[in-house]
Amino acid sequence: MNTVVQENLFPLGPLLEAKFVKRENRFRAQVALQGEVVPVHVPNSGRMEELLTPGVAVWVSPASGAQRKTAYTLLLVRQGTRLICLNAHLANDLIAFWLAQGILPGFAEAAEIEREKVYGDSRIDFRLKRQNQPCYVEVKSVNLLEGSTARFPDAPTKRGSKHLSQLIRCKEAGMDSAVIFLVMGNAAHDFAVNWKRDPDFGEHLKLAYLAGVEVYVYTCEIHLEGIVYTGTIPLQEEQLWKSMR
């Protein structure tokens, strides 16, 4: 591992390898771990049907806390030769980590980075400053890959559409706003809206883009040791319109 990768590596902590058994509901599944079937928390409301198949290799992280009903959290799954991160909440931690390092295109000089800030009737993932201008940023975790195209969402998300509406209001109020799509390990070359699953989100993204909300697609590589920022998927305007059919 070279120096740059080490500097950009977000550590994952201790992990245990298991085999996926079945999904009980949106947030709970069963895995075969160390000779027994145990329940695990699934920190992702997406369908992930193409990823979570019986017998596939997964990695779980030990969890604790008085409110926990399971002892483990489902974190990674193997897809071919790659590892995919399933924890949608981890996307925010990754973006915060890389924002602080100043390595994300569009946010190299971000300052005063705050998380979970309320604007209107929504809680937006980040509020920061760029050249003394406030900027609200929402982050979306992308797991679905169709061919070489990463698509979002893989399940309907009224909450996601609501966030885009609030980002539009930020622009109308004279502030900057942006939505970041973080592709969580898939080898994607393009990005598109998943119109089959949620056309309403696509329409909201179209309106946000037209209103001047910035759209970024970042990529990363998953290792058992941690997650590394790898770059961007260039989002040309004609590519965005092509995806919005």
Protein backbone atom coordinates (compact mmCIF):
# COMPACT_ATOMS: atom_id res chain seq x y z
CA MET A 1 0.00 0.00 0.00
CA ASN A 2 1.54 3.34 -1.05
CA THR A 3 1.78 6.52 1.00
CA VAL A 4 -1.14 8.27 -0.70
CA VAL A 5 -3.45 5.33 -0.06
CA GLN A 6 -2.38 5.19 3.58
CA GLU A 7 -3.13 8.87 4.04
CA ASN A 8 -6.57 8.53 2.47
CA LEU A 9 -7.47 5.23 4.13
CA PHE A 10 -10.54 5.31 6.38
CA PRO A 11 -10.06 2.37 8.80
CA LEU A 12 -12.91 -0.10 9.26
CA GLY A 13 -11.79 -1.70 12.51
CA PRO A 14 -12.16 -5.41 13.36
CA LEU A 15 -14.23 -7.49 10.92
CA LEU A 16 -15.41 -11.10 10.91
CA GLU A 17 -16.04 -13.08 7.72
CA ALA A 18 -19.38 -14.87 7.40
CA LYS A 19 -21.78 -16.28 4.81
CA PHE A 20 -25.05 -14.55 4.03
CA VAL A 21 -28.14 -16.67 4.79
CA LYS A 22 -31.23 -14.53 4.30
CA ARG A 23 -32.76 -11.14 4.90
CA GLU A 24 -35.54 -11.07 7.48
CA ASN A 25 -36.63 -7.50 6.79
CA ARG A 26 -35.14 -4.18 5.67
CA PHE A 27 -32.87 -3.81 8.68
CA ARG A 28 -32.23 -7.35 9.86
CA ALA A 29 -30.64 -10.42 8.26
CA GLN A 30 -29.10 -13.76 9.16
CA VAL A 31 -25.53 -14.86 8.50
CA ALA A 32 -23.57 -18.04 9.18
CA LEU A 33 -20.76 -17.01 11.52
CA GLN A 34 -18.30 -19.33 13.24
CA GLY A 35 -20.53 -22.38 12.90
CA GLU A 36 -23.88 -20.85 13.83
CA VAL A 37 -26.56 -18.70 12.26
CA VAL A 38 -26.80 -15.30 13.95
CA PRO A 39 -28.92 -12.18 13.37
CA VAL A 40 -27.20 -9.00 12.15
CA HIS A 41 -28.26 -5.41 11.67
CA VAL A 42 -28.49 -4.22 8.05
CA PRO A 43 -27.66 -0.47 8.00
CA ASN A 44 -29.19 0.11 4.58
CA SER A 45 -32.85 0.26 3.53
CA GLY A 46 -32.05 -0.48 -0.12
CA ARG A 47 -33.08 -3.76 -1.71
CA MET A 48 -29.55 -4.91 -2.67
CA GLU A 49 -31.03 -8.05 -4.22
CA GLU A 50 -28.10 -8.43 -6.62
CA LEU A 51 -25.62 -8.31 -3.72
CA LEU A 52 -27.22 -10.21 -0.84
CA THR A 53 -27.60 -13.71 -2.27
CA PRO A 54 -27.52 -16.90 -0.16
CA GLY A 55 -23.98 -18.12 0.50
CA VAL A 56 -22.18 -14.96 -0.61
CA ALA A 57 -19.20 -13.90 1.51
CA VAL A 58 -19.91 -11.00 3.85
CA TRP A 59 -18.08 -9.26 6.67
CA VAL A 60 -19.67 -8.08 9.89
CA SER A 61 -18.44 -5.76 12.60
CA PRO A 62 -19.01 -6.43 16.32
CA ALA A 63 -21.43 -3.97 17.92
CA SER A 64 -22.43 -3.10 21.46
CA GLY A 65 -24.84 -0.82 23.25
CA ALA A 66 -27.87 -1.04 25.49
CA GLN A 67 -30.27 -0.39 22.60
CA ARG A 68 -28.78 -3.03 20.30
CA LYS A 69 -30.89 -6.08 19.44
CA THR A 70 -28.09 -7.75 17.44
CA ALA A 71 -24.43 -8.27 18.27
CA TYR A 72 -23.17 -7.57 14.75
CA THR A 73 -23.61 -5.11 11.90
CA LEU A 74 -23.44 -6.21 8.26
CA LEU A 75 -20.72 -4.10 6.64
CA LEU A 76 -19.20 -5.62 3.48
CA VAL A 77 -20.16 -8.10 0.77
CA ARG A 78 -18.05 -9.64 -1.95
CA GLN A 79 -19.18 -9.02 -5.52
CA GLY A 80 -16.89 -10.89 -7.91
CA THR A 81 -13.37 -9.76 -7.04
CA ARG A 82 -14.50 -6.59 -5.26
CA LEU A 83 -15.74 -5.70 -1.82
CA ILE A 84 -18.85 -3.51 -1.58
CA CYS A 85 -19.70 -1.45 1.50
CA LEU A 86 -23.33 -1.89 2.54
CA ASN A 87 -23.42 0.60 5.40
CA ALA A 88 -25.24 3.62 3.94
CA HIS A 89 -24.57 5.64 7.10
CA LEU A 90 -20.82 5.14 6.70
CA ALA A 91 -20.90 7.26 3.53
CA ASN A 92 -21.26 10.39 5.69
CA ASP A 93 -18.27 9.40 7.84
CA LEU A 94 -16.20 8.84 4.72
CA ILE A 95 -17.13 12.19 3.20
CA ALA A 96 -16.39 13.96 6.51
CA PHE A 97 -12.99 12.25 6.65
CA TRP A 98 -12.06 13.24 3.10
CA LEU A 99 -13.48 16.76 3.47
CA ALA A 100 -11.15 17.28 6.42
CA GLN A 101 -8.25 16.13 4.24
CA GLY A 102 -9.20 18.56 1.49
CA ILE A 103 -8.99 15.93 -1.27
CA LEU A 104 -12.53 16.06 -2.69
CA PRO A 105 -12.94 17.96 -5.97
CA GLY A 106 -15.23 20.93 -5.42
CA PHE A 107 -14.45 21.07 -1.71
CA ALA A 108 -10.67 21.42 -1.51
CA GLU A 109 -10.95 24.57 0.62
CA ALA A 110 -13.95 23.58 2.72
CA ALA A 111 -13.91 25.03 6.24
CA GLU A 112 -16.11 25.05 9.34
CA ILE A 113 -17.49 21.62 8.47
CA GLU A 114 -20.58 20.78 10.54
CA ARG A 115 -22.70 17.65 10.40
CA GLU A 116 -26.45 17.03 10.66
CA LYS A 117 -27.60 20.64 10.32
CA VAL A 118 -31.28 21.53 10.16
CA TYR A 119 -32.50 23.68 7.28
CA GLY A 120 -36.23 24.22 6.96
CA ASP A 121 -37.94 20.99 7.93
CA SER A 122 -35.03 18.73 6.89
CA ARG A 123 -31.78 17.64 8.46
CA ILE A 124 -29.00 18.05 5.88
CA ASP A 125 -25.82 15.97 6.18
CA PHE A 126 -23.29 18.84 6.12
CA ARG A 127 -23.04 22.58 6.35
CA LEU A 128 -19.67 24.07 5.51
CA LYS A 129 -18.06 27.16 4.09
CA ARG A 130 -16.22 27.65 0.80
CA GLN A 131 -14.60 31.05 0.32
CA ASN A 132 -16.75 32.30 3.21
CA GLN A 133 -19.94 31.19 1.43
CA PRO A 134 -22.27 28.77 3.29
CA CYS A 135 -22.87 25.47 1.50
CA TYR A 136 -25.29 22.69 2.44
CA VAL A 137 -24.33 19.19 1.27
CA GLU A 138 -26.39 15.99 1.16
CA VAL A 139 -24.69 12.58 0.71
CA LYS A 140 -26.19 9.50 -0.95
CA SER A 141 -24.66 6.01 -0.78
CA VAL A 142 -24.74 4.11 -4.11
CA ASN A 143 -24.61 0.30 -4.20
CA LEU A 144 -26.48 -0.64 -7.37
CA LEU A 145 -24.44 -1.38 -10.49
CA GLU A 146 -25.99 -2.20 -13.88
CA GLY A 147 -23.22 -3.05 -16.31
CA SER A 148 -20.72 -0.26 -15.75
CA THR A 149 -23.36 2.26 -14.66
CA ALA A 150 -23.94 3.10 -11.00
CA ARG A 151 -27.59 3.89 -10.34
CA PHE A 152 -29.42 5.59 -7.49
CA PRO A 153 -31.69 4.82 -5.78
CA ASP A 154 -32.23 1.07 -5.66
CA ALA A 155 -35.48 1.59 -3.70
CA PRO A 156 -37.95 4.51 -3.60
CA THR A 157 -36.76 7.34 -1.36
CA LYS A 158 -39.23 10.10 -0.50
CA ARG A 159 -36.68 11.33 2.02
CA GLY A 160 -34.11 11.73 -0.76
CA SER A 161 -36.53 13.80 -2.85
CA LYS A 162 -37.31 15.97 0.16
CA HIS A 163 -33.61 16.64 0.69
CA LEU A 164 -33.23 17.75 -2.92
CA SER A 165 -36.13 20.15 -2.48
CA GLN A 166 -34.38 21.67 0.52
CA LEU A 167 -31.12 22.03 -1.42
CA ILE A 168 -33.07 23.97 -4.05
CA ARG A 169 -34.38 26.26 -1.30
CA CYS A 170 -30.81 26.83 -0.13
CA LYS A 171 -29.90 28.04 -3.62
CA GLU A 172 -32.97 30.26 -3.75
CA ALA A 173 -31.86 31.80 -0.45
CA GLY A 174 -28.48 32.73 -1.96
CA MET A 175 -26.40 29.89 -0.50
CA ASP A 176 -24.47 27.12 -2.22
CA SER A 177 -25.78 23.55 -2.07
CA ALA A 178 -24.64 20.20 -3.41
CA VAL A 179 -25.55 16.52 -3.52
CA ILE A 180 -22.80 13.91 -3.41
CA PHE A 181 -23.32 10.37 -4.71
CA LEU A 182 -20.67 8.05 -3.25
CA VAL A 183 -20.28 4.79 -5.20
CA MET A 184 -19.40 2.33 -2.44
CA GLY A 185 -16.89 0.04 -4.14
CA ASN A 186 -18.46 -0.91 -7.47
CA ALA A 187 -16.31 -0.43 -10.58
CA ALA A 188 -18.62 2.09 -12.23
CA HIS A 189 -17.74 4.30 -15.20
CA ASP A 190 -21.03 6.19 -15.44
CA PHE A 191 -23.81 7.37 -13.16
CA ALA A 192 -27.54 7.55 -13.84
CA VAL A 193 -30.84 7.89 -12.05
CA ASN A 194 -32.67 4.61 -11.45
CA TRP A 195 -35.87 5.71 -13.17
CA LYS A 196 -37.44 2.25 -12.88
CA ARG A 197 -37.34 2.34 -9.08
CA ASP A 198 -37.99 6.02 -8.32
CA PRO A 199 -38.94 8.42 -11.14
CA ASP A 200 -39.92 11.05 -8.57
CA PHE A 201 -36.35 11.22 -7.27
CA GLY A 202 -35.15 11.63 -10.86
CA GLU A 203 -37.48 14.55 -11.43
CA HIS A 204 -36.32 16.18 -8.18
CA LEU A 205 -32.68 15.74 -9.19
CA LYS A 206 -33.43 17.31 -12.56
CA LEU A 207 -35.05 20.33 -10.88
CA ALA A 208 -32.14 20.62 -8.44
CA TYR A 209 -29.59 20.55 -11.24
CA LEU A 210 -31.47 23.21 -13.18
CA ALA A 211 -31.64 25.34 -10.03
CA GLY A 212 -27.85 25.26 -9.70
CA VAL A 213 -27.45 22.57 -7.04
CA GLU A 214 -24.01 21.02 -7.60
CA VAL A 215 -23.89 17.29 -8.34
CA TYR A 216 -20.79 15.20 -7.60
CA VAL A 217 -20.16 11.46 -8.02
CA TYR A 218 -17.18 10.14 -6.07
CA THR A 219 -15.69 6.64 -6.15
CA CYS A 220 -13.80 4.59 -3.59
CA GLU A 221 -12.09 1.24 -3.21
CA ILE A 222 -12.90 -1.12 -0.36
CA HIS A 223 -10.28 -3.16 1.49
CA LEU A 224 -10.66 -5.19 4.66
CA GLU A 225 -8.30 -2.67 6.28
CA GLY A 226 -10.37 0.31 5.21
CA ILE A 227 -11.81 2.45 2.42
CA VAL A 228 -9.79 4.61 0.02
CA TYR A 229 -11.01 7.58 -2.03
CA THR A 230 -10.19 6.92 -5.69
CA GLY A 231 -11.67 9.77 -7.73
CA THR A 232 -14.74 11.01 -9.54
CA ILE A 233 -17.09 9.97 -12.29
CA PRO A 234 -17.24 13.07 -14.49
CA LEU A 235 -20.81 14.29 -14.72
CA GLN A 236 -21.26 16.12 -18.01
CA GLU A 237 -24.57 17.87 -18.56
CA GLU A 238 -25.43 15.73 -21.58
CA GLN A 239 -24.81 12.58 -19.51
CA LEU A 240 -27.21 13.81 -16.87
CA TRP A 241 -29.96 14.52 -19.37
CA LYS A 242 -29.37 11.16 -21.02
CA SER A 243 -30.03 9.43 -17.72
CA MET A 244 -33.25 11.38 -17.19
CA ARG A 245 -35.64 9.56 -19.51
